[in-house]
Amino acid sequence: TTSTSNTSKHKEQHMVFYRLYHWYVRCLNKRPVLTKSITACTIIGIGDINSQVLIEKADFFYSVNYYLNKQNTDIDENKKILNIKRLLRMSSIGLFYSGPLLHYWFKNLDRLVSSRTIALIRNKYPKLKNDPKHFFNKIMDNNNFKPLCKLAFDQILFAPYIIFSMYTILNLLEGNDFPTYKKNLDDGYFTTLKAAYMLWPFANFINFRFVPSDFRVLFVNCVSIVWNTVFSYIRHLSL
């Protein structure tokens, strides 16, 4: 009887995940940009909460109670409260900026590095076109060639840009003057970029090699639970 009840519970759990998965796929098909933007907003928010609670030692439950009963709650000096304004700033970047940006970035990467592009390269160089066993043909026919090309574009061009733009947008949202913006950039940009290069080359190779294109932003968002915790901590370390 116990094993039967456990089996039924597992089936119910699988059905819930199955329904959630298909609901998410339907949302992606109907409104891909909006779906990816809301996902990015949610996960960047989770990353910032992780940073504030796990690293900076804010008390999550005390903070919830404080904000829900603000007028009736005395501030405990021994408790650190979640910075809600900071959380909203970080989440809004996911909703209005990084979510849509990643959608179009991956879409254009797929167009740039495609079988059609490889065919155009071969047609331009007769040696490649006429010799299937040519060294470069073997490289281009390798299953890892397109993922590695996308990874190179992503890490050389996109990674430095997205980190720079995130610092810039956050400083605008915080209303900082230029000297403060420059100091934040000097203190955190290269540290953040170095941290990004320790995580994203490996993560995005898996993304480009194995994940279907419609789910790549979702995969990035899942990895970003870790990344946004790190980014948020580094970004706010010197504030």
Protein backbone atom coordinates (compact mmCIF):
# COMPACT_ATOMS: atom_id res chain seq x y z
CA THR A 1 0.00 0.00 0.00
CA THR A 2 2.84 2.36 0.87
CA SER A 3 4.66 1.62 -2.41
CA THR A 4 1.43 2.16 -4.36
CA SER A 5 0.85 5.54 -2.72
CA ASN A 6 4.48 6.56 -3.39
CA THR A 7 4.13 5.54 -7.04
CA SER A 8 0.92 7.59 -7.40
CA LYS A 9 2.65 10.60 -5.83
CA HIS A 10 5.55 10.30 -8.29
CA LYS A 11 3.08 10.09 -11.17
CA GLU A 12 1.27 13.19 -9.94
CA GLN A 13 4.58 15.07 -9.66
CA HIS A 14 5.56 14.00 -13.19
CA MET A 15 2.18 15.16 -14.47
CA VAL A 16 2.65 18.57 -12.84
CA PHE A 17 6.08 19.00 -14.43
CA TYR A 18 4.74 17.70 -17.75
CA ARG A 19 1.90 20.23 -17.72
CA LEU A 20 4.22 23.08 -16.68
CA TYR A 21 6.64 22.17 -19.46
CA HIS A 22 3.95 22.13 -22.14
CA TRP A 23 2.41 25.34 -20.78
CA TYR A 24 5.83 27.02 -21.03
CA VAL A 25 6.31 25.71 -24.59
CA ARG A 26 2.91 27.14 -25.58
CA CYS A 27 3.90 30.50 -24.08
CA LEU A 28 7.19 30.40 -26.00
CA ASN A 29 5.36 29.70 -29.26
CA LYS A 30 2.74 32.41 -28.73
CA ARG A 31 4.83 35.17 -27.15
CA PRO A 32 8.52 34.23 -27.22
CA VAL A 33 9.99 37.62 -26.27
CA LEU A 34 7.53 38.28 -23.44
CA THR A 35 7.94 34.73 -22.05
CA LYS A 36 11.73 34.96 -22.07
CA SER A 37 11.63 38.46 -20.56
CA ILE A 38 9.40 37.40 -17.65
CA THR A 39 11.62 34.34 -17.09
CA ALA A 40 14.74 36.54 -17.04
CA CYS A 41 13.05 39.00 -14.66
CA THR A 42 12.14 36.20 -12.24
CA ILE A 43 15.52 34.49 -12.27
CA ILE A 44 17.57 37.69 -11.97
CA GLY A 45 15.38 38.54 -8.99
CA ILE A 46 16.08 35.13 -7.44
CA GLY A 47 19.80 35.69 -8.06
CA ASP A 48 19.73 39.02 -6.26
CA ILE A 49 17.80 37.55 -3.32
CA ASN A 50 20.38 34.74 -3.14
CA SER A 51 23.16 37.33 -3.11
CA GLN A 52 21.54 39.38 -0.36
CA VAL A 53 20.53 36.39 1.80
CA LEU A 54 23.29 33.80 1.29
CA ILE A 55 26.31 36.08 0.84
CA GLU A 56 25.37 39.41 2.43
CA LYS A 57 23.41 37.73 5.26
CA ALA A 58 20.08 39.56 4.94
CA ASP A 59 17.32 37.82 6.90
CA PHE A 60 14.70 36.81 4.31
CA PHE A 61 11.79 35.94 6.65
CA TYR A 62 12.42 38.92 8.90
CA SER A 63 12.47 41.14 5.79
CA VAL A 64 9.15 39.74 4.54
CA ASN A 65 7.58 40.32 7.94
CA TYR A 66 9.09 43.82 8.12
CA TYR A 67 7.74 44.91 4.71
CA LEU A 68 4.30 43.35 5.30
CA ASN A 69 3.93 44.94 8.76
CA LYS A 70 6.16 47.97 8.33
CA GLN A 71 4.15 50.29 10.57
CA ASN A 72 3.91 47.76 13.42
CA THR A 73 7.47 46.36 13.27
CA ASP A 74 10.38 47.81 15.18
CA ILE A 75 13.71 47.59 13.38
CA ASP A 76 16.04 44.99 14.89
CA GLU A 77 19.56 46.37 14.52
CA ASN A 78 20.94 42.81 14.57
CA LYS A 79 18.89 41.88 11.49
CA LYS A 80 19.79 42.91 7.95
CA ILE A 81 16.80 43.72 5.74
CA LEU A 82 16.50 42.90 2.03
CA ASN A 83 17.03 45.92 -0.20
CA ILE A 84 13.76 45.91 -2.18
CA LYS A 85 14.72 48.83 -4.43
CA ARG A 86 17.87 47.02 -5.47
CA LEU A 87 15.86 43.82 -6.10
CA LEU A 88 13.37 45.70 -8.30
CA ARG A 89 16.20 47.37 -10.25
CA MET A 90 17.87 44.04 -10.95
CA SER A 91 14.59 42.34 -11.91
CA SER A 92 13.53 45.18 -14.21
CA ILE A 93 16.76 44.77 -16.19
CA GLY A 94 15.79 41.16 -16.88
CA LEU A 95 12.27 42.13 -17.93
CA PHE A 96 13.04 45.10 -20.14
CA TYR A 97 16.62 44.50 -21.27
CA SER A 98 18.47 41.20 -20.90
CA GLY A 99 15.48 38.94 -21.66
CA PRO A 100 14.62 40.58 -25.02
CA LEU A 101 18.31 41.12 -25.84
CA LEU A 102 19.20 37.45 -25.36
CA HIS A 103 16.25 36.38 -27.52
CA TYR A 104 17.45 38.44 -30.49
CA TRP A 105 21.15 37.74 -29.87
CA PHE A 106 20.68 33.95 -30.04
CA LYS A 107 18.34 34.29 -32.99
CA ASN A 108 20.91 36.31 -34.96
CA LEU A 109 23.74 33.98 -33.93
CA ASP A 110 21.79 31.08 -35.45
CA ARG A 111 21.47 33.06 -38.69
CA LEU A 112 25.11 34.12 -38.72
CA VAL A 113 26.56 30.68 -37.98
CA SER A 114 24.43 28.32 -40.05
CA SER A 115 24.69 25.63 -42.72
CA ARG A 116 23.90 28.34 -45.28
CA THR A 117 26.90 30.39 -44.13
CA ILE A 118 29.17 27.35 -44.42
CA ALA A 119 27.82 26.68 -47.94
CA LEU A 120 28.54 30.31 -48.93
CA ILE A 121 32.13 29.98 -47.65
CA ARG A 122 32.63 26.79 -49.66
CA ASN A 123 31.19 28.35 -52.81
CA LYS A 124 33.53 31.31 -52.47
CA TYR A 125 36.64 29.12 -52.34
CA PRO A 126 36.83 26.52 -55.16
CA LYS A 127 39.40 24.41 -53.30
CA LEU A 128 36.90 23.83 -50.52
CA LYS A 129 34.02 23.27 -52.93
CA ASN A 130 35.86 20.74 -55.07
CA ASP A 131 37.67 18.81 -52.34
CA PRO A 132 35.37 17.24 -49.71
CA LYS A 133 38.43 15.87 -47.88
CA HIS A 134 40.05 19.30 -47.52
CA PHE A 135 41.28 20.01 -43.99
CA PHE A 136 38.91 22.98 -43.51
CA ASN A 137 35.96 20.98 -44.81
CA LYS A 138 36.63 18.35 -42.14
CA ILE A 139 36.68 21.10 -39.51
CA MET A 140 33.44 22.68 -40.75
CA ASP A 141 31.72 19.28 -40.91
CA ASN A 142 32.58 18.52 -37.30
CA ASN A 143 29.57 18.66 -34.96
CA ASN A 144 31.40 21.03 -32.64
CA PHE A 145 32.28 23.61 -35.32
CA LYS A 146 29.10 25.70 -35.26
CA PRO A 147 28.75 25.65 -31.46
CA LEU A 148 32.39 26.75 -31.07
CA CYS A 149 31.92 29.58 -33.61
CA LYS A 150 28.83 30.79 -31.76
CA LEU A 151 30.72 30.52 -28.49
CA ALA A 152 33.58 32.63 -29.87
CA PHE A 153 31.19 35.39 -31.00
CA ASP A 154 29.35 35.19 -27.70
CA GLN A 155 32.38 35.42 -25.43
CA ILE A 156 34.50 37.87 -27.46
CA LEU A 157 31.74 40.30 -28.48
CA PHE A 158 28.66 39.80 -26.34
CA ALA A 159 30.06 39.07 -22.87
CA PRO A 160 32.08 42.30 -22.50
CA TYR A 161 29.18 44.32 -23.92
CA ILE A 162 26.41 42.85 -21.74
CA ILE A 163 28.41 43.32 -18.54
CA PHE A 164 29.33 46.91 -19.47
CA SER A 165 25.71 47.71 -20.34
CA MET A 166 24.41 46.16 -17.10
CA TYR A 167 26.74 48.37 -15.07
CA THR A 168 25.65 51.40 -17.10
CA ILE A 169 21.91 50.73 -16.76
CA LEU A 170 22.15 50.04 -13.02
CA ASN A 171 24.00 53.31 -12.48
CA LEU A 172 21.34 55.19 -14.43
CA LEU A 173 18.58 53.54 -12.38
CA GLU A 174 20.41 54.42 -9.17
CA GLY A 175 20.76 58.05 -10.30
CA ASN A 176 24.55 58.07 -9.84
CA ASP A 177 26.72 60.87 -11.21
CA PHE A 178 29.55 60.15 -13.66
CA PRO A 179 32.41 59.94 -11.07
CA THR A 180 30.39 57.36 -9.09
CA TYR A 181 29.60 55.45 -12.30
CA LYS A 182 33.29 55.43 -13.28
CA LYS A 183 34.30 54.22 -9.81
CA ASN A 184 31.74 51.39 -9.91
CA LEU A 185 32.98 50.41 -13.35
CA ASP A 186 36.65 50.55 -12.31
CA ASP A 187 36.00 48.57 -9.14
CA GLY A 188 33.82 45.84 -10.60
CA TYR A 189 33.88 45.52 -14.40
CA PHE A 190 37.00 43.40 -14.92
CA THR A 191 36.31 41.33 -11.79
CA THR A 192 32.85 40.57 -13.17
CA LEU A 193 34.22 39.80 -16.65
CA LYS A 194 36.82 37.45 -15.16
CA ALA A 195 34.09 35.67 -13.17
CA ALA A 196 31.97 35.42 -16.35
CA TYR A 197 34.83 33.74 -18.24
CA MET A 198 35.08 31.13 -15.48
CA LEU A 199 31.45 30.07 -16.00
CA TRP A 200 29.92 31.04 -19.33
CA PRO A 201 32.28 29.45 -21.92
CA PHE A 202 31.52 26.00 -20.53
CA ALA A 203 27.81 26.72 -19.95
CA ASN A 204 27.23 28.24 -23.38
CA PHE A 205 29.11 25.49 -25.21
CA ILE A 206 26.56 23.07 -23.73
CA ASN A 207 23.85 25.56 -24.67
CA PHE A 208 24.90 25.91 -28.32
CA ARG A 209 25.78 22.23 -28.74
CA PHE A 210 22.86 20.44 -27.11
CA VAL A 211 19.98 22.82 -26.29
CA PRO A 212 17.26 23.54 -28.93
CA SER A 213 17.25 27.20 -30.01
CA ASP A 214 13.87 27.99 -28.43
CA PHE A 215 15.15 26.91 -25.01
CA ARG A 216 18.55 28.60 -25.03
CA VAL A 217 17.39 31.70 -23.17
CA LEU A 218 15.74 29.42 -20.58
CA PHE A 219 19.00 27.48 -20.19
CA VAL A 220 20.93 30.74 -19.75
CA ASN A 221 18.36 31.88 -17.19
CA CYS A 222 18.76 28.65 -15.21
CA VAL A 223 22.56 29.02 -15.13
CA SER A 224 21.97 32.67 -14.25
CA ILE A 225 20.56 31.70 -10.86
CA VAL A 226 24.22 31.12 -9.95
CA TRP A 227 25.63 33.87 -12.17
CA ASN A 228 23.28 36.64 -11.01
CA THR A 229 24.07 35.79 -7.40
CA VAL A 230 27.77 36.36 -8.20
CA PHE A 231 27.15 39.42 -10.39
CA SER A 232 24.85 41.11 -7.91
CA TYR A 233 27.36 40.55 -5.10
CA ILE A 234 30.33 41.92 -7.10
CA ARG A 235 28.28 44.83 -8.44
CA HIS A 236 27.10 45.95 -5.00
CA LEU A 237 30.30 45.05 -3.10
CA SER A 238 31.77 48.55 -3.27
CA LEU A 239 28.51 50.50 -2.84
